[in-house]
Amino acid sequence: MHRGKRKPAALDCAQGDVSLCAPSIAIENKGYDAMPKAYWVTCYREIKDPNKLAAYAKLAGPAVEKMGGRYIVRGTAAITFEHGQKERIVISEFDSLEQAKAAHDCPGYQEALRALGDGAVRDVRLVEGLS
């Protein structure tokens, strides 16, 4: 499979190729991404115990990286809109949704979650990317 630009699924649908209407369907040998990357998005709503968060971060980073994750955003929102909170946000990139889920479920990350315990209120999502 060639990894490069991804052809919008809407274009395939408009041209009558309904087999390619779903973005998760692989497009092979056409010069487009066959499988979208995945993003692990963690929005912190409240940090209750900075010490527990530090213990979590010490374990979570290496666990996620060992499973193929790459941190692309770590910090506090610079600007917020539409009821956004100026709390910590972390976004990690993975080669696939399956890889991201495996990282979440791996023993190293589960140990990090135990260290965090009730130290923070978070919203965690795994999202497939477009390319």
Protein backbone atom coordinates (compact mmCIF):
# COMPACT_ATOMS: atom_id res chain seq x y z
CA MET A 1 0.00 0.00 0.00
CA HIS A 2 1.23 3.44 -0.86
CA ARG A 3 1.02 6.03 1.90
CA GLY A 4 0.45 9.49 0.54
CA LYS A 5 -2.41 11.86 -0.01
CA ARG A 6 -5.89 10.57 0.71
CA LYS A 7 -8.68 10.97 -1.80
CA PRO A 8 -11.88 12.31 -0.18
CA ALA A 9 -14.52 9.57 0.07
CA ALA A 10 -17.17 12.08 -1.00
CA LEU A 11 -15.43 12.36 -4.38
CA ASP A 12 -15.66 8.58 -4.90
CA CYS A 13 -19.35 8.65 -3.95
CA ALA A 14 -20.03 11.55 -6.31
CA GLN A 15 -18.38 9.59 -9.13
CA GLY A 16 -20.64 6.61 -8.46
CA ASP A 17 -18.15 4.29 -6.74
CA VAL A 18 -20.26 3.51 -3.66
CA SER A 19 -17.81 0.85 -2.51
CA LEU A 20 -15.50 3.68 -1.42
CA CYS A 21 -18.07 5.87 0.37
CA ALA A 22 -17.02 4.84 3.89
CA PRO A 23 -13.80 6.57 4.97
CA SER A 24 -12.60 3.48 6.83
CA ILE A 25 -12.52 1.33 3.66
CA ALA A 26 -9.01 0.88 2.29
CA ILE A 27 -8.23 2.51 -1.06
CA GLU A 28 -5.43 0.46 -2.57
CA ASN A 29 -3.04 1.19 -5.44
CA LYS A 30 -4.41 4.66 -6.10
CA GLY A 31 -1.75 6.68 -4.27
CA TYR A 32 -3.94 7.36 -1.23
CA ASP A 33 -3.70 6.33 2.40
CA ALA A 34 -5.18 2.90 2.89
CA MET A 35 -5.68 3.24 6.62
CA PRO A 36 -6.18 6.43 8.60
CA LYS A 37 -4.02 7.23 11.58
CA ALA A 38 -5.63 7.35 14.99
CA TYR A 39 -5.47 10.02 17.66
CA TRP A 40 -5.78 9.57 21.39
CA VAL A 41 -7.26 12.79 22.76
CA THR A 42 -7.28 13.44 26.50
CA CYS A 43 -8.96 16.59 27.81
CA TYR A 44 -8.50 17.25 31.49
CA ARG A 45 -11.57 18.73 33.18
CA GLU A 46 -10.03 19.02 36.62
CA ILE A 47 -6.67 18.16 38.17
CA LYS A 48 -7.39 17.14 41.76
CA ASP A 49 -3.96 15.89 42.81
CA PRO A 50 -0.83 17.10 40.96
CA ASN A 51 1.29 14.42 42.65
CA LYS A 52 -0.90 11.62 41.30
CA LEU A 53 -0.84 13.26 37.86
CA ALA A 54 2.98 13.39 37.99
CA ALA A 55 3.14 9.70 38.95
CA TYR A 56 0.76 8.88 36.08
CA ALA A 57 2.79 10.92 33.56
CA LYS A 58 6.03 9.21 34.59
CA LEU A 59 4.52 5.82 33.72
CA ALA A 60 2.12 6.70 30.89
CA GLY A 61 4.63 8.40 28.58
CA PRO A 62 6.99 5.42 28.23
CA ALA A 63 4.06 2.97 28.02
CA VAL A 64 2.38 4.89 25.18
CA GLU A 65 5.65 5.40 23.30
CA LYS A 66 6.56 1.71 23.67
CA MET A 67 3.25 0.87 21.97
CA GLY A 68 4.01 3.15 19.00
CA GLY A 69 2.33 6.35 20.18
CA ARG A 70 3.83 9.75 19.41
CA TYR A 71 2.89 12.77 21.47
CA ILE A 72 1.92 15.66 19.20
CA VAL A 73 0.27 17.95 21.78
CA ARG A 74 0.90 18.24 25.54
CA GLY A 75 0.00 21.31 27.49
CA THR A 76 -2.70 23.78 28.42
CA ALA A 77 -5.03 25.21 25.78
CA ALA A 78 -3.79 28.59 24.56
CA ILE A 79 -7.28 29.72 23.52
CA THR A 80 -10.67 28.12 24.17
CA PHE A 81 -14.05 28.49 22.46
CA GLU A 82 -17.58 27.16 22.97
CA HIS A 83 -17.42 26.25 26.67
CA GLY A 84 -13.84 24.99 26.35
CA GLN A 85 -11.79 24.82 29.51
CA LYS A 86 -8.23 26.05 29.88
CA GLU A 87 -7.03 22.77 31.31
CA ARG A 88 -4.40 20.32 30.19
CA ILE A 89 -4.83 18.52 26.85
CA VAL A 90 -2.77 15.65 25.45
CA ILE A 91 -2.98 14.29 21.90
CA SER A 92 -1.04 11.23 20.78
CA GLU A 93 -0.84 9.87 17.24
CA PHE A 94 -0.86 6.18 16.34
CA ASP A 95 -0.61 4.36 13.02
CA SER A 96 -4.05 2.78 13.54
CA LEU A 97 -7.06 2.70 15.84
CA GLU A 98 -6.17 -0.86 16.82
CA GLN A 99 -2.68 0.26 17.86
CA ALA A 100 -4.12 3.10 19.98
CA LYS A 101 -6.57 0.77 21.73
CA ALA A 102 -3.80 -1.76 22.36
CA ALA A 103 -1.71 1.00 23.97
CA HIS A 104 -4.60 1.94 26.25
CA ASP A 105 -5.13 -1.68 27.25
CA CYS A 106 -1.44 -2.61 27.70
CA PRO A 107 -0.17 -3.46 31.22
CA GLY A 108 2.17 -0.45 31.36
CA TYR A 109 -0.59 2.04 30.67
CA GLN A 110 -2.98 0.29 33.04
CA GLU A 111 -0.34 0.68 35.75
CA ALA A 112 -0.22 4.41 34.95
CA LEU A 113 -4.01 4.63 35.32
CA ARG A 114 -3.81 2.98 38.74
CA ALA A 115 -1.21 5.60 39.76
CA LEU A 116 -3.53 8.39 38.60
CA GLY A 117 -6.52 6.97 40.45
CA ASP A 118 -8.83 9.86 41.35
CA GLY A 119 -6.16 12.50 40.76
CA ALA A 120 -7.89 13.98 37.71
CA VAL A 121 -11.21 14.15 35.89
CA ARG A 122 -10.59 13.51 32.19
CA ASP A 123 -12.36 12.94 28.90
CA VAL A 124 -10.43 10.35 26.84
CA ARG A 125 -11.27 9.54 23.22
CA LEU A 126 -9.72 7.50 20.41
CA VAL A 127 -10.49 9.06 17.03
CA GLU A 128 -9.62 7.94 13.49
CA GLY A 129 -7.94 10.60 11.40
CA LEU A 130 -8.55 11.49 7.79
CA SER A 131 -5.02 10.76 6.62
